[in-house]
C-alpha cells in the first residue's frame, strides 16, 4: 500500500527543500567555491570521485527523510510547518537527525570534490550550527510537543550515531 501525500504538502516540501538544504548544500557552496576558484575546477581524480560517492547517498538519505516527514509526520522540514506526528520509522529508527547527517555528507562530498579549504571551514561551521540548533531548540521543542513518546525515542535512537 502506497502512502499518499496531498498536493499542497508536496508543494510545501519542495519549497522548504529548495530553501533550506538547497541553500545550504547548493547555493552557498557554489558561491564559496566559485569565489575562491574563479577559473578552472581541479581535474578529476580519486578524491573528487570519492566526493561524488559521498554526495549521492547524502541526496538519497535527504530525499528519504523529507518524504518520511511528509508521509508519516504530515509536515515538512521547516520548523514553521513541522511534522504533526513524531517520525521514528525508516532511518529515524536508528538516528534522530539523519537529515542533518545527509546534509553533512553532501557538504563533505562537495568539499572533497572541489578540493576546497573554505568549503571545509563552511562544512565544519554548519555542523557546529546544526549541533547547537538540535541541542538548544529542536530537542527541547520536541520534548514539549511529544513528551514521553519523544523521551522513549531518545533512549532508542542516537542523536548523531546509531545506538548499539
Protein backbone atom coordinates (compact mmCIF):
# COMPACT_ATOMS: atom_id res chain seq x y z
CA UNK A 1 0.00 0.00 0.00
CA UNK A 2 1.46 3.36 -1.05
CA UNK A 3 1.01 6.23 1.35
CA UNK A 4 -0.21 9.39 -0.33
CA UNK A 5 0.86 12.97 0.19
CA UNK A 6 -1.54 15.80 -0.57
CA UNK A 7 -0.50 18.10 -3.42
CA UNK A 8 -0.32 21.06 -1.01
CA UNK A 9 2.03 19.20 1.34
CA UNK A 10 4.14 18.08 -1.62
CA UNK A 11 4.49 21.69 -2.84
CA UNK A 12 5.38 22.91 0.67
CA UNK A 13 8.02 20.18 0.97
CA UNK A 14 9.53 21.11 -2.39
CA UNK A 15 9.61 24.78 -1.38
CA UNK A 16 11.25 24.13 2.01
CA UNK A 17 13.71 21.69 0.44
CA UNK A 18 14.81 24.36 -2.04
CA UNK A 19 15.04 26.99 0.70
CA UNK A 20 16.83 25.05 3.45
CA UNK A 21 19.03 22.19 2.24
CA UNK A 22 19.03 23.65 -1.26
CA UNK A 23 20.56 26.86 0.04
CA UNK A 24 22.95 25.15 2.49
CA UNK A 25 24.20 22.45 0.09
CA UNK A 26 23.71 24.19 -3.25
CA UNK A 27 23.76 27.95 -3.47
CA UNK A 28 26.15 28.79 -0.60
CA UNK A 29 28.77 26.15 -1.52
CA UNK A 30 28.54 27.32 -5.13
CA UNK A 31 29.24 30.89 -4.01
CA UNK A 32 32.13 29.80 -1.79
CA UNK A 33 33.75 27.57 -4.41
CA UNK A 34 33.47 30.00 -7.29
CA UNK A 35 34.62 32.92 -5.18
CA UNK A 36 37.84 31.05 -4.40
CA UNK A 37 38.11 29.28 -7.76
CA UNK A 38 37.09 31.85 -10.36
CA UNK A 39 38.95 29.84 -13.02
CA UNK A 40 39.20 26.13 -13.60
CA UNK A 41 37.89 23.48 -11.24
CA UNK A 42 40.54 20.94 -10.15
CA UNK A 43 40.88 17.97 -12.53
CA UNK A 44 39.08 14.71 -11.80
CA UNK A 45 40.97 12.36 -9.51
CA UNK A 46 40.22 9.78 -6.82
CA UNK A 47 39.44 12.45 -4.21
CA UNK A 48 36.87 14.15 -6.43
CA UNK A 49 35.29 10.79 -7.28
CA UNK A 50 35.10 9.93 -3.56
CA UNK A 51 33.43 13.31 -3.01
CA UNK A 52 30.73 12.40 -5.53
CA UNK A 53 30.42 9.00 -3.83
CA UNK A 54 29.55 10.85 -0.59
CA UNK A 55 27.13 13.28 -2.23
CA UNK A 56 24.94 10.59 -3.82
CA UNK A 57 23.95 8.75 -0.61
CA UNK A 58 23.56 12.13 1.09
CA UNK A 59 20.98 13.16 -1.51
CA UNK A 60 19.17 9.80 -1.27
CA UNK A 61 19.02 9.98 2.54
CA UNK A 62 17.85 13.61 2.44
CA UNK A 63 15.04 12.83 -0.01
CA UNK A 64 14.01 9.76 2.03
CA UNK A 65 13.88 11.86 5.22
CA UNK A 66 11.84 14.62 3.62
CA UNK A 67 9.45 12.03 2.18
CA UNK A 68 9.09 10.37 5.60
CA UNK A 69 8.35 13.77 7.18
CA UNK A 70 5.57 14.25 4.63
CA UNK A 71 4.10 10.73 4.69
CA UNK A 72 4.50 9.72 8.35
CA UNK A 73 4.72 13.10 10.04
CA UNK A 74 2.29 15.04 7.82
CA UNK A 75 4.64 18.03 7.72
CA UNK A 76 7.80 19.49 6.25
CA UNK A 77 11.39 20.03 7.36
CA UNK A 78 10.59 23.63 8.30
CA UNK A 79 10.03 24.46 11.98
CA UNK A 80 7.17 26.67 10.72
CA UNK A 81 5.45 23.66 9.13
CA UNK A 82 6.89 20.81 11.21
CA UNK A 83 5.55 17.25 11.23
CA UNK A 84 2.42 16.82 13.32
CA UNK A 85 3.45 13.30 14.38
CA UNK A 86 6.78 12.13 15.75
CA UNK A 87 8.73 10.50 12.92
CA UNK A 88 10.54 7.38 14.19
CA UNK A 89 10.48 5.00 11.22
CA UNK A 90 12.94 4.30 8.46
CA UNK A 91 16.39 5.70 9.12
CA UNK A 92 14.89 7.67 12.04
CA UNK A 93 14.68 4.34 13.85
CA UNK A 94 18.49 4.48 14.22
CA UNK A 95 19.42 8.17 14.43
CA UNK A 96 17.35 11.19 15.39
CA UNK A 97 18.92 13.64 12.93
CA UNK A 98 19.54 11.84 9.66
CA UNK A 99 18.57 14.89 7.62
CA UNK A 100 21.45 16.89 9.10
CA UNK A 101 23.76 13.92 8.59
CA UNK A 102 22.68 13.77 4.94
CA UNK A 103 23.46 17.47 4.54
CA UNK A 104 26.86 16.89 6.14
CA UNK A 105 27.58 14.03 3.69
CA UNK A 106 26.70 16.30 0.79
CA UNK A 107 28.87 19.15 2.12
CA UNK A 108 31.80 16.85 2.84
CA UNK A 109 31.46 15.40 -0.65
CA UNK A 110 31.43 18.87 -2.17
CA UNK A 111 34.48 19.83 -0.11
CA UNK A 112 36.38 16.85 -1.48
CA UNK A 113 35.03 17.27 -4.98
CA UNK A 114 36.29 20.85 -5.20
CA UNK A 115 39.41 20.42 -3.01
CA UNK A 116 38.19 23.48 -1.10
CA UNK A 117 39.56 24.56 2.27
CA UNK A 118 36.99 27.41 2.52
CA UNK A 119 34.24 24.85 1.89
CA UNK A 120 35.74 22.59 4.59
CA UNK A 121 35.54 25.50 7.05
CA UNK A 122 31.94 26.17 5.99
CA UNK A 123 31.12 22.47 6.48
CA UNK A 124 32.57 22.48 10.00
CA UNK A 125 30.65 25.67 10.85
CA UNK A 126 27.45 24.09 9.54
CA UNK A 127 27.91 21.05 11.79
CA UNK A 128 28.52 23.32 14.78
CA UNK A 129 25.38 25.27 13.96
CA UNK A 130 23.32 22.10 13.46
CA UNK A 131 24.51 20.73 16.79
CA UNK A 132 23.59 23.94 18.63
CA UNK A 133 20.22 24.05 16.86
CA UNK A 134 19.45 20.46 17.86
CA UNK A 135 20.59 20.87 21.47
CA UNK A 136 19.17 24.32 22.18
CA UNK A 137 16.00 24.40 20.10
CA UNK A 138 14.85 21.18 18.42
CA UNK A 139 15.23 18.67 21.26
CA UNK A 140 13.55 20.90 23.88
CA UNK A 141 10.75 21.72 21.41
CA UNK A 142 10.21 18.05 20.58
CA UNK A 143 10.17 17.14 24.30
CA UNK A 144 7.47 19.77 24.88
CA UNK A 145 5.44 18.72 21.84
CA UNK A 146 5.65 14.91 22.11
CA UNK A 147 6.51 14.37 25.82
CA UNK A 148 7.12 10.78 26.90
CA UNK A 149 6.94 9.48 23.34
CA UNK A 150 9.98 11.61 22.42
CA UNK A 151 11.85 10.72 25.62
CA UNK A 152 11.40 6.99 24.87
CA UNK A 153 12.51 7.60 21.29
CA UNK A 154 15.70 9.32 22.50
CA UNK A 155 16.53 6.20 24.50
CA UNK A 156 16.46 4.03 21.37
CA UNK A 157 17.90 6.32 18.65
CA UNK A 158 21.16 8.22 18.96
CA UNK A 159 21.42 11.91 18.21
CA UNK A 160 24.16 11.53 15.57
CA UNK A 161 25.18 7.87 15.67
CA UNK A 162 23.06 4.73 15.97
CA UNK A 163 22.83 3.21 19.45
CA UNK A 164 24.25 -0.27 19.99
